[in-house]
Protein backbone atom coordinates (compact mmCIF):
# COMPACT_ATOMS: atom_id res chain seq x y z
CA MET A 1 0.00 0.00 0.00
CA GLY A 2 3.04 2.29 0.51
CA LYS A 3 2.78 5.85 1.77
CA LYS A 4 -0.27 8.06 2.17
CA ARG A 5 -0.92 11.65 3.20
CA PHE A 6 -3.39 12.70 5.88
CA CYS A 7 -4.52 16.09 7.12
CA ILE A 8 -5.35 16.20 10.84
CA LEU A 9 -7.26 19.25 12.06
CA HIS A 10 -7.46 19.63 15.83
CA SER A 11 -9.06 21.86 18.47
CA ASN A 12 -9.09 21.91 22.26
CA ASP A 13 -10.54 24.02 25.09
CA MET A 14 -13.20 25.58 22.86
CA HIS A 15 -15.24 26.49 25.97
CA GLY A 16 -18.43 27.48 24.19
CA ASP A 17 -16.64 30.07 22.02
CA PHE A 18 -19.48 30.00 19.50
CA LEU A 19 -19.51 33.54 18.09
CA ALA A 20 -17.08 35.41 15.86
CA GLU A 21 -15.34 38.50 17.21
CA GLY A 22 -14.55 41.73 15.38
CA LYS A 23 -10.83 42.45 15.19
CA GLY A 24 -10.88 45.83 13.46
CA GLY A 25 -10.90 46.68 9.78
CA GLY A 26 -14.19 44.85 9.40
CA LYS A 27 -12.54 41.47 9.92
CA SER A 28 -14.28 38.76 11.95
CA VAL A 29 -12.23 36.06 13.65
CA GLY A 30 -13.25 32.76 15.19
CA GLY A 31 -16.65 31.44 16.08
CA LEU A 32 -17.98 28.05 15.11
CA ALA A 33 -19.64 29.18 11.89
CA LEU A 34 -16.26 30.28 10.49
CA LEU A 35 -14.51 27.26 12.00
CA SER A 36 -17.06 24.94 10.40
CA ALA A 37 -16.55 26.65 7.05
CA TYR A 38 -12.78 26.16 7.27
CA ILE A 39 -13.14 22.49 8.21
CA ASN A 40 -15.57 21.97 5.31
CA LYS A 41 -13.13 23.74 2.97
CA VAL A 42 -10.26 21.45 3.96
CA ARG A 43 -12.47 18.38 3.67
CA LYS A 44 -13.23 19.37 0.06
CA GLU A 45 -9.61 20.14 -0.80
CA GLU A 46 -7.89 17.18 0.83
CA LYS A 47 -8.56 13.47 0.39
CA ASN A 48 -7.91 12.13 3.89
CA VAL A 49 -9.00 14.56 6.60
CA LEU A 50 -9.53 13.94 10.32
CA TYR A 51 -10.93 16.46 12.77
CA LEU A 52 -10.12 15.68 16.42
CA ILE A 53 -10.95 17.56 19.65
CA ALA A 54 -8.89 17.25 22.85
CA GLY A 55 -11.53 18.09 25.45
CA ASP A 56 -13.39 21.02 27.04
CA MET A 57 -16.01 21.70 24.41
CA VAL A 58 -18.47 22.87 27.07
CA GLN A 59 -18.60 25.64 29.70
CA GLY A 60 -17.63 29.23 29.12
CA SER A 61 -20.66 30.72 27.40
CA LEU A 62 -24.22 31.48 28.38
CA ILE A 63 -25.52 29.46 25.43
CA ASP A 64 -23.77 26.45 26.90
CA SER A 65 -24.67 26.95 30.55
CA GLU A 66 -28.31 27.83 29.87
CA TYR A 67 -28.81 24.44 28.20
CA LYS A 68 -26.25 22.55 30.31
CA GLY A 69 -24.16 21.55 27.32
CA ILE A 70 -27.02 20.14 25.23
CA SER A 71 -26.81 23.16 22.92
CA THR A 72 -23.06 22.63 22.61
CA MET A 73 -23.42 19.01 21.57
CA GLY A 74 -26.05 19.95 19.00
CA ILE A 75 -23.76 22.65 17.62
CA MET A 76 -20.74 20.34 17.63
CA ASN A 77 -22.71 17.82 15.60
CA TYR A 78 -22.57 20.36 12.75
CA LEU A 79 -18.76 20.23 12.90
CA ALA A 80 -18.89 16.41 12.79
CA PRO A 81 -15.57 15.68 14.52
CA ASP A 82 -14.20 12.21 13.88
CA VAL A 83 -13.29 11.66 17.55
CA VAL A 84 -13.21 13.75 20.74
CA THR A 85 -11.93 13.07 24.22
CA LEU A 86 -13.14 14.34 27.59
CA GLY A 87 -11.85 17.46 29.28
CA ASN A 88 -12.39 18.29 32.93
CA HIS A 89 -15.20 20.73 32.10
CA GLU A 90 -17.24 18.01 30.43
CA PHE A 91 -17.98 16.93 34.02
CA ASP A 92 -19.20 20.35 35.20
CA TYR A 93 -22.89 19.44 34.96
CA GLY A 94 -22.41 16.13 36.77
CA LEU A 95 -21.50 12.61 35.78
CA ALA A 96 -25.04 11.51 34.92
CA HIS A 97 -25.50 14.54 32.67
CA LEU A 98 -22.18 13.80 30.94
CA LEU A 99 -23.45 10.35 30.01
CA PHE A 100 -26.58 12.01 28.61
CA LEU A 101 -24.49 14.48 26.58
CA GLU A 102 -22.48 11.59 25.19
CA LYS A 103 -25.71 10.13 23.83
CA VAL A 104 -26.64 13.47 22.21
CA ALA A 105 -23.31 13.54 20.36
CA ASN A 106 -23.25 12.08 16.84
CA PHE A 107 -19.52 11.48 17.19
CA PRO A 108 -17.47 9.06 19.33
CA VAL A 109 -16.22 10.25 22.72
CA VAL A 110 -13.20 8.24 23.91
CA ASN A 111 -11.49 7.85 27.26
CA ALA A 112 -9.28 4.97 28.37
CA ASN A 113 -8.62 5.64 32.05
CA LEU A 114 -11.95 6.33 33.76
CA TYR A 115 -13.52 3.23 35.30
CA ILE A 116 -16.77 2.19 36.98
CA LYS A 117 -15.49 0.49 40.11
CA PRO A 118 -18.10 -2.31 40.40
CA GLY A 119 -17.14 -4.70 37.65
CA ASN A 120 -13.99 -2.72 36.75
CA LYS A 121 -15.50 -1.51 33.48
CA ARG A 122 -14.46 1.59 31.57
CA LEU A 123 -16.87 4.49 31.81
CA MET A 124 -16.52 5.56 28.18
CA ARG A 125 -15.59 4.00 24.89
CA PRO A 126 -11.80 3.55 25.25
CA PHE A 127 -10.76 3.91 21.61
CA VAL A 128 -11.90 4.14 18.00
CA ILE A 129 -10.29 2.61 14.92
CA LEU A 130 -10.91 4.82 11.90
CA GLU A 131 -10.52 3.45 8.38
CA LYS A 132 -9.21 6.03 5.92
CA ASP A 133 -8.15 5.18 2.38
CA GLY A 134 -7.15 1.67 3.37
CA PHE A 135 -5.21 2.76 6.46
CA SER A 136 -6.26 1.97 10.05
CA ILE A 137 -5.95 4.78 12.58
CA LEU A 138 -6.37 4.10 16.31
CA VAL A 139 -7.48 7.06 18.45
CA THR A 140 -7.67 6.83 22.23
CA GLY A 141 -7.84 9.40 25.03
CA ILE A 142 -6.94 10.14 28.65
CA ILE A 143 -8.00 12.84 31.10
CA THR A 144 -6.24 15.13 33.56
CA GLU A 145 -6.18 14.16 37.23
CA LYS A 146 -8.25 17.28 37.94
CA VAL A 147 -11.35 15.53 36.68
CA MET A 148 -11.27 13.36 39.76
CA ASP A 149 -11.62 16.53 41.86
CA GLN A 150 -14.90 17.21 40.08
CA ILE A 151 -16.39 13.75 40.74
CA LYS A 152 -14.46 12.62 43.81
CA GLY A 153 -17.73 12.39 45.77
CA ASP A 154 -18.93 9.62 43.45
CA ASN A 155 -17.64 6.41 44.98
CA LEU A 156 -18.64 4.36 41.94
CA ILE A 157 -16.10 6.04 39.67
CA GLY A 158 -12.38 5.39 39.79
CA SER A 159 -9.48 6.17 37.54
CA PHE A 160 -5.93 5.35 36.68
CA VAL A 161 -5.07 9.02 36.90
CA THR A 162 -1.31 9.35 37.39
CA LEU A 163 0.74 9.72 34.26
CA GLU A 164 2.30 6.32 34.86
CA GLU A 165 -1.08 4.66 35.24
CA ALA A 166 -2.51 6.51 32.26
CA SER A 167 0.45 5.52 30.09
CA ASN A 168 -0.09 1.89 31.07
CA GLU A 169 -3.73 2.13 29.99
CA VAL A 170 -2.59 3.46 26.62
CA GLY A 171 -0.13 0.59 26.40
CA ARG A 172 -2.86 -1.91 27.27
CA ILE A 173 -4.99 -0.74 24.34
CA CYS A 174 -2.08 -0.53 21.91
CA ASN A 175 -0.89 -4.02 22.84
CA ALA A 176 -4.35 -5.54 22.55
CA TYR A 177 -5.06 -4.14 19.08
CA ARG A 178 -1.63 -4.31 17.49
CA THR A 179 -2.84 -7.33 15.50
CA GLU A 180 -5.32 -5.03 13.75
CA ASP A 181 -2.37 -3.70 11.71
CA ILE A 182 -2.73 -0.17 12.99
CA ASP A 183 -0.97 2.28 10.68
CA LEU A 184 -1.23 5.36 12.89
CA THR A 185 -1.89 5.75 16.63
CA VAL A 186 -3.16 9.07 18.01
CA LEU A 187 -3.53 9.88 21.71
CA LEU A 188 -5.97 12.68 22.64
CA THR A 189 -5.14 14.09 26.07
CA HIS A 190 -6.43 16.75 28.42
CA ILE A 191 -3.56 17.04 30.88
CA GLY A 192 -1.62 20.17 29.86
CA LEU A 193 1.42 20.56 27.65
CA GLU A 194 4.06 19.94 30.32
CA SER A 195 2.30 16.71 31.29
CA ASP A 196 2.04 15.73 27.63
CA VAL A 197 5.81 15.83 27.43
CA GLU A 198 6.14 13.76 30.61
CA LEU A 199 3.61 11.27 29.28
CA ALA A 200 5.46 10.90 25.97
CA ARG A 201 8.59 9.93 27.90
CA LEU A 202 6.65 7.12 29.59
CA LEU A 203 5.25 5.60 26.40
CA LYS A 204 7.12 2.53 25.21
CA PRO A 205 8.15 2.80 21.55
CA ASP A 206 6.76 -0.70 20.92
CA TRP A 207 3.27 0.62 21.69
CA GLY A 208 3.44 2.62 18.49
CA VAL A 209 1.98 5.96 19.64
CA ASP A 210 2.82 8.45 16.90
CA LEU A 211 1.04 11.60 17.98
CA ILE A 212 -0.29 13.35 21.09
CA ILE A 213 -2.94 16.03 20.55
CA GLY A 214 -3.40 17.81 23.86
CA GLY A 215 -5.42 20.37 25.76
CA HIS A 216 -6.06 21.93 29.18
CA SER A 217 -3.11 24.33 29.51
CA HIS A 218 -4.34 26.61 26.67
CA SER A 219 -0.80 26.60 25.29
CA ILE A 220 0.01 28.41 22.04
CA MET A 221 2.81 26.64 20.17
CA GLU A 222 5.14 27.98 17.50
CA LYS A 223 6.04 24.48 16.39
CA PRO A 224 5.34 20.89 17.49
CA LEU A 225 7.37 19.25 20.22
CA GLU A 226 8.94 15.83 19.76
CA GLU A 227 9.61 13.60 22.74
CA ASN A 228 10.58 9.93 22.72
CA GLY A 229 9.63 9.71 19.05
CA VAL A 230 6.14 11.16 19.68
CA ILE A 231 4.94 14.38 18.04
CA ILE A 232 3.05 16.68 20.46
CA VAL A 233 0.68 19.46 19.36
CA THR A 234 -2.02 21.64 20.93
CA ALA A 235 -4.06 24.60 19.66
CA GLY A 236 -4.43 27.21 22.40
CA THR A 237 -8.01 27.93 23.42
CA GLY A 238 -11.28 29.02 21.83
CA THR A 239 -12.08 29.00 18.12
CA ASP A 240 -9.96 31.85 16.77
CA GLN A 241 -7.51 29.23 15.53
CA ILE A 242 -7.27 25.55 14.65
CA GLY A 243 -4.28 23.25 14.48
CA ARG A 244 -3.45 21.70 11.12
CA LEU A 245 -1.03 18.79 10.84
CA ASP A 246 -0.28 17.43 7.37
CA ILE A 247 1.47 14.08 7.67
CA GLU A 248 2.79 11.26 5.51
CA VAL A 249 2.41 7.74 6.91
CA ASP A 250 4.35 4.66 5.81
CA ASP A 251 2.27 1.48 5.73
CA GLU A 252 5.37 -0.69 6.07
CA THR A 253 6.72 0.89 9.26
CA ASN A 254 3.36 2.17 10.58
CA HIS A 255 4.93 5.52 11.42
CA ILE A 256 4.83 9.16 10.40
CA ILE A 257 7.74 9.78 8.03
CA GLY A 258 7.12 13.45 7.36
CA TYR A 259 4.91 16.24 8.66
CA GLN A 260 4.14 19.94 8.57
CA TRP A 261 2.15 21.70 11.32
CA ARG A 262 0.75 25.19 11.63
CA LEU A 263 -1.73 27.07 13.78
CA VAL A 264 -4.31 28.47 11.36
CA THR A 265 -6.12 31.71 12.20
CA VAL A 266 -9.79 31.30 11.27
CA ASP A 267 -11.28 34.52 9.86
CA ASP A 268 -13.70 35.73 7.22
CA ALA A 269 -10.86 36.64 4.86
CA MET A 270 -10.26 32.92 4.49
CA VAL A 271 -13.79 31.51 4.44
CA THR A 272 -17.44 32.55 4.42
CA PRO A 273 -19.36 31.50 7.56
CA ASP A 274 -21.37 28.29 7.47
CA ASN A 275 -24.85 29.79 7.10
CA GLU A 276 -26.72 26.76 8.40
CA LEU A 277 -24.64 26.57 11.57
CA GLU A 278 -24.78 30.34 11.99
CA GLY A 279 -28.59 30.17 11.93
CA TYR A 280 -28.63 27.25 14.38
CA ILE A 281 -26.43 29.14 16.85
CA ALA A 282 -28.55 32.27 16.40
CA SER A 283 -31.64 30.31 17.45
CA PHE A 284 -30.05 29.72 20.86
CA GLN A 285 -28.55 33.21 21.03
CA SER A 286 -31.89 34.97 20.51
CA ARG A 287 -33.54 33.02 23.32
CA VAL A 288 -30.64 33.76 25.66
CA ASP A 289 -30.62 37.47 24.74
CA ASN A 290 -34.34 37.84 25.37
CA LYS A 291 -33.98 36.28 28.80
CA TYR A 292 -30.78 37.88 30.06
CA ASN A 293 -30.31 41.29 28.42
CA SER A 294 -31.46 43.33 31.44
CA MET A 295 -28.86 45.82 32.66
CA LEU A 296 -27.26 45.28 36.08
CA SER A 297 -24.67 48.01 36.40
CA LYS A 298 -22.60 50.67 34.66
CA LEU A 299 -18.92 50.44 35.54
CA THR A 300 -16.66 53.45 35.25
CA TYR A 301 -14.67 51.75 32.47
CA LYS A 302 -14.14 48.40 30.80
CA HIS A 303 -12.54 45.85 33.13
CA THR A 304 -10.18 43.17 31.83
CA HIS A 305 -8.94 39.72 32.82
CA PRO A 306 -6.12 39.02 30.35
CA LYS A 307 -4.39 36.21 32.23
CA ARG A 308 -5.48 34.05 35.12
CA GLU A 309 -2.01 33.76 36.70
CA VAL A 310 -1.88 37.45 37.66
CA GLU A 311 -4.02 40.01 39.48
CA THR A 312 -6.68 41.47 37.15
CA GLU A 313 -9.28 44.23 37.19
CA ILE A 314 -12.24 41.84 36.95
CA GLY A 315 -10.69 39.64 39.63
CA ASN A 316 -10.30 42.60 41.98
CA LEU A 317 -13.85 43.80 41.31
CA PHE A 318 -15.44 40.42 41.95
CA ALA A 319 -13.29 39.57 44.97
CA ASP A 320 -14.09 42.95 46.56
CA ALA A 321 -17.79 42.47 45.89
CA LEU A 322 -17.83 39.07 47.59
CA ALA A 323 -15.75 40.28 50.56
CA GLU A 324 -18.02 43.28 51.09
CA MET A 325 -21.24 41.29 50.84
CA LEU A 326 -20.01 38.46 53.07
CA GLY A 327 -18.09 40.53 55.64
CA CYS A 328 -14.98 38.33 55.61
CA ASP A 329 -11.28 39.08 55.91
CA LEU A 330 -10.17 37.33 52.74
CA VAL A 331 -11.69 35.99 49.54
CA LEU A 332 -9.79 33.59 47.31
CA LEU A 333 -11.68 33.69 44.02
CA ALA A 334 -10.56 31.15 41.43
CA SER A 335 -9.16 33.00 38.42
CA GLY A 336 -10.37 30.23 36.13
CA SER A 337 -13.98 30.88 37.13
CA ILE A 338 -13.74 34.21 35.26
CA ARG A 339 -14.32 33.08 31.70
CA THR A 340 -14.14 36.25 29.61
CA ASN A 341 -11.27 38.67 29.03
CA GLU A 342 -13.34 41.79 29.58
CA ILE A 343 -16.61 43.11 30.96
CA GLY A 344 -18.29 46.52 30.98
CA PRO A 345 -18.67 49.38 31.11
CA VAL A 346 -22.34 48.36 30.70
CA VAL A 347 -22.92 45.04 32.47
CA THR A 348 -26.04 43.04 31.66
CA LEU A 349 -27.16 39.88 33.39
CA ARG A 350 -26.06 38.06 30.26
CA ASP A 351 -22.57 39.62 30.56
CA LEU A 352 -22.25 38.49 34.17
CA MET A 353 -23.42 34.95 33.47
CA THR A 354 -21.07 34.66 30.50
CA CYS A 355 -18.14 36.07 32.46
CA PHE A 356 -18.88 34.09 35.63
CA PRO A 357 -20.78 30.92 34.64
CA TYR A 358 -19.95 28.84 37.71
CA ASN A 359 -22.79 29.07 40.23
CA ASP A 360 -20.99 27.41 43.13
CA MET A 361 -21.59 27.76 46.86
CA LEU A 362 -19.37 29.88 49.11
CA THR A 363 -18.01 28.64 52.44
CA SER A 364 -16.41 30.74 55.17
CA PHE A 365 -13.60 29.15 57.18
CA THR A 366 -11.97 30.49 60.32
CA VAL A 367 -8.28 29.77 59.75
CA THR A 368 -4.98 30.60 61.39
CA GLY A 369 -2.38 32.96 60.03
CA GLU A 370 -0.03 30.01 59.71
CA GLN A 371 -2.52 28.26 57.43
CA LEU A 372 -2.89 31.42 55.34
CA ARG A 373 0.86 31.55 54.83
CA VAL A 374 0.86 27.96 53.58
CA ILE A 375 -2.04 28.74 51.24
CA PHE A 376 -0.45 31.82 49.68
CA ALA A 377 2.96 30.16 49.41
CA THR A 378 1.25 27.33 47.50
CA VAL A 379 -0.93 29.32 45.11
CA MET A 380 1.71 31.99 44.38
CA SER A 381 4.58 29.60 43.68
CA PRO A 382 5.98 29.55 40.12
CA THR A 383 5.22 25.84 39.82
CA ASN A 384 1.53 26.64 40.30
CA ARG A 385 1.60 29.50 37.76
CA ASN A 386 2.60 27.30 34.83
CA GLY A 387 -0.77 27.28 33.05
CA GLU A 388 -1.82 24.03 34.69
CA GLY A 389 -2.24 25.12 38.31
CA GLU A 390 -5.14 26.89 40.04
CA CYS A 391 -4.61 30.61 40.59
CA TYR A 392 -6.70 33.09 42.58
CA GLN A 393 -7.87 36.69 42.80
CA VAL A 394 -8.05 38.43 46.21
CA ASN A 395 -9.89 41.31 47.86
CA SER A 396 -8.40 44.74 48.57
CA LYS A 397 -7.36 44.03 52.17
CA VAL A 398 -4.73 41.56 50.96
CA ARG A 399 -1.12 42.30 50.12
CA ALA A 400 1.07 39.31 49.33
CA VAL A 401 4.60 39.25 47.91
CA HIS A 402 6.22 36.06 46.61
CA ASP A 403 9.96 35.91 46.02
CA ASP A 404 10.26 33.63 43.01
CA ARG A 405 14.05 33.64 43.10
CA ALA A 406 14.18 32.55 46.72
CA GLY A 407 11.16 30.27 46.32
CA ARG A 408 9.28 31.63 49.31
CA LEU A 409 6.44 33.89 50.43
CA ARG A 410 8.09 37.11 51.54
CA GLU A 411 5.11 39.14 52.79
CA LEU A 412 1.45 38.61 53.69
CA SER A 413 -0.63 41.35 55.28
CA LEU A 414 -4.28 42.29 55.85
CA ASP A 415 -5.38 45.91 56.17
CA GLY A 416 -1.73 46.93 56.28
CA LYS A 417 -0.90 44.63 59.23
CA PRO A 418 1.29 41.52 58.88
CA VAL A 419 -0.61 38.26 59.24
CA ASN A 420 0.02 36.77 62.67
CA ASP A 421 0.66 33.02 62.60
CA ASP A 422 -1.41 32.57 65.79
CA GLY A 423 -4.17 34.94 64.70
CA GLN A 424 -7.54 33.85 63.33
CA TYR A 425 -9.06 35.12 60.09
CA THR A 426 -12.17 34.43 58.03
CA LEU A 427 -11.48 33.04 54.56
CA VAL A 428 -14.16 32.52 51.89
CA LEU A 429 -13.74 29.89 49.17
CA GLN A 430 -15.88 28.54 46.37
CA GLY A 431 -17.23 25.06 47.02
CA TYR A 432 -15.15 23.27 44.39
CA HIS A 433 -11.97 24.79 45.76
CA SER A 434 -12.77 24.14 49.40
CA ARG A 435 -13.55 20.49 48.61
CA ASN A 436 -10.21 20.17 46.83
CA ALA A 437 -8.20 22.42 49.14
CA GLY A 438 -5.56 19.78 49.74
CA THR A 439 -4.75 19.72 46.04
CA TYR A 440 -4.94 23.44 45.30
CA LEU A 441 -4.17 25.25 48.56
CA GLY A 442 -1.75 22.99 50.44
CA VAL A 443 -4.20 22.80 53.37
CA THR A 444 -6.85 20.08 53.49
CA PHE A 445 -10.58 20.66 53.87
CA GLU A 446 -10.41 19.01 57.31
CA GLU A 447 -7.66 21.39 58.38
CA LEU A 448 -9.60 24.38 57.07
CA SER A 449 -12.69 23.22 58.97
CA SER A 450 -10.94 22.48 62.27
CA ILE A 451 -11.95 25.79 63.92
CA LYS A 452 -15.16 26.82 62.17
CA ALA A 453 -16.72 26.36 58.74
CA LYS A 454 -20.03 27.72 57.50
CA VAL A 455 -21.76 27.89 54.12
CA VAL A 456 -22.45 31.61 53.65
CA SER A 457 -24.10 31.45 50.21
CA THR A 458 -25.39 28.74 47.92
CA SER A 459 -24.73 30.93 44.85
CA ALA A 460 -21.61 33.02 44.30
CA ARG A 461 -23.05 34.49 41.12
CA GLU A 462 -26.22 35.69 42.86
CA VAL A 463 -24.07 37.51 45.42
CA LEU A 464 -22.18 39.24 42.58
CA GLU A 465 -25.44 40.05 40.81
CA GLU A 466 -26.90 41.76 43.88
CA TRP A 467 -23.71 43.72 44.51
CA LEU A 468 -23.60 44.98 40.92
CA ARG A 469 -27.24 46.07 41.06
CA ASP A 470 -26.46 48.19 44.12
CA HIS A 471 -23.19 49.66 42.85
CA GLN A 472 -23.06 52.00 39.88
CA ASN A 473 -20.03 53.82 38.41
CA VAL A 474 -17.55 51.66 40.30
CA GLY A 475 -14.22 50.36 39.12
CA ARG A 476 -11.09 48.54 40.20
CA ARG A 477 -7.54 48.77 38.91
CA VAL A 478 -4.65 46.36 39.33
CA GLU A 479 -2.93 47.70 42.42
CA GLY A 480 -0.35 45.19 43.61
CA ARG A 481 -2.48 42.93 45.78
CA LEU A 482 -0.42 40.00 44.49
CA THR A 483 3.22 40.75 43.65
CA PHE A 484 5.93 38.47 42.30
CA ILE A 485 9.61 39.43 42.48
């Protein structure tokens, strides 16, 4: 059969980025209607095309959250991906709902390392073998360990979640189906780029994995990485771009013998939007607009959230709002729960729900100063600010300085006074982050709760909504609440 060429298109961390954005000069960039048009264009131009998605299709837009991902799956059916794998946000609406969404999808969803404990059966379809032009292509997937934080309360679900365990699951599938004469093996991951590299080192060459297509860290690459003979690619976040990998595969060696990769910007200079998909998305958008377009507040200026690893204007605004409403000393607001880069100056209910889609509870803990120092040393460390960790925004009382060169927390104060190790302070956390405090904060939930713990709100977003209604012409700047030297 010899050698054949394939074009692999890939996305990850799309997060409900359904609509195109204006970029000046009349140009529109991104959105699923343009993305669909580009995919359709390539499918017409090239003979052997695969479109693969490395997790996190859902969460991040009001269209998605209003319909709990059902709208997303319907929209994704228009794109007709060949295979997708799970990201951690696919679990945001609960495990049972995920299984429902999987049934709505007209495309295979693969995962090799999530198991139902009774009977030791895999939760999802572990792999797919695609037949293209006489070649057999095996696609399997694994998930980040963070997904277990989302469903850790479900005792029926277990996982081989460490990289070593996940690599062994990949090896198990590759070994079992080697007799199928697999010409190309693709691993879809949602573990972050650094972990992709670590995983590639663990894969035995005899397993025949040729390519890792990853997600989760939102990494933008200039060129593919190669590790242990495995090509590694990822495509940032959203739908402004798509990865394109043109490869040549040798049927004799069952390996990639040549490739070219690029990150393609998707705009209306390249393609005309897919009208059918555009209309389908608009049907959801109009219903959402009618329901949520009431105005909440007018800020003094547009607030931004360009990067979750640093202090931001939106982060300061929201953290201050929660601290004021709840009367606590400190708020640690997860940066990743802010899902848009900007908001305002006019803020509608729709804007708030799009920017802050996670409607989690809030819990107040009475903690010691010593515990606070551990928490800030953990969340401000460089190893946590690598795109894969959990970072936080804080209220205006807080001043924290981390010395990255020395690898230590240099300063932590509240209201201008140094935090006393023996003192007691009230700390508010979102439910997800309090439940997983041991992983993210360096202090376990039991340790946080040892003095006093109390649920102070069942809805963080409703607290923000009420604060915004009562506060007009307000604004926050970045002011050095969190400093890194």
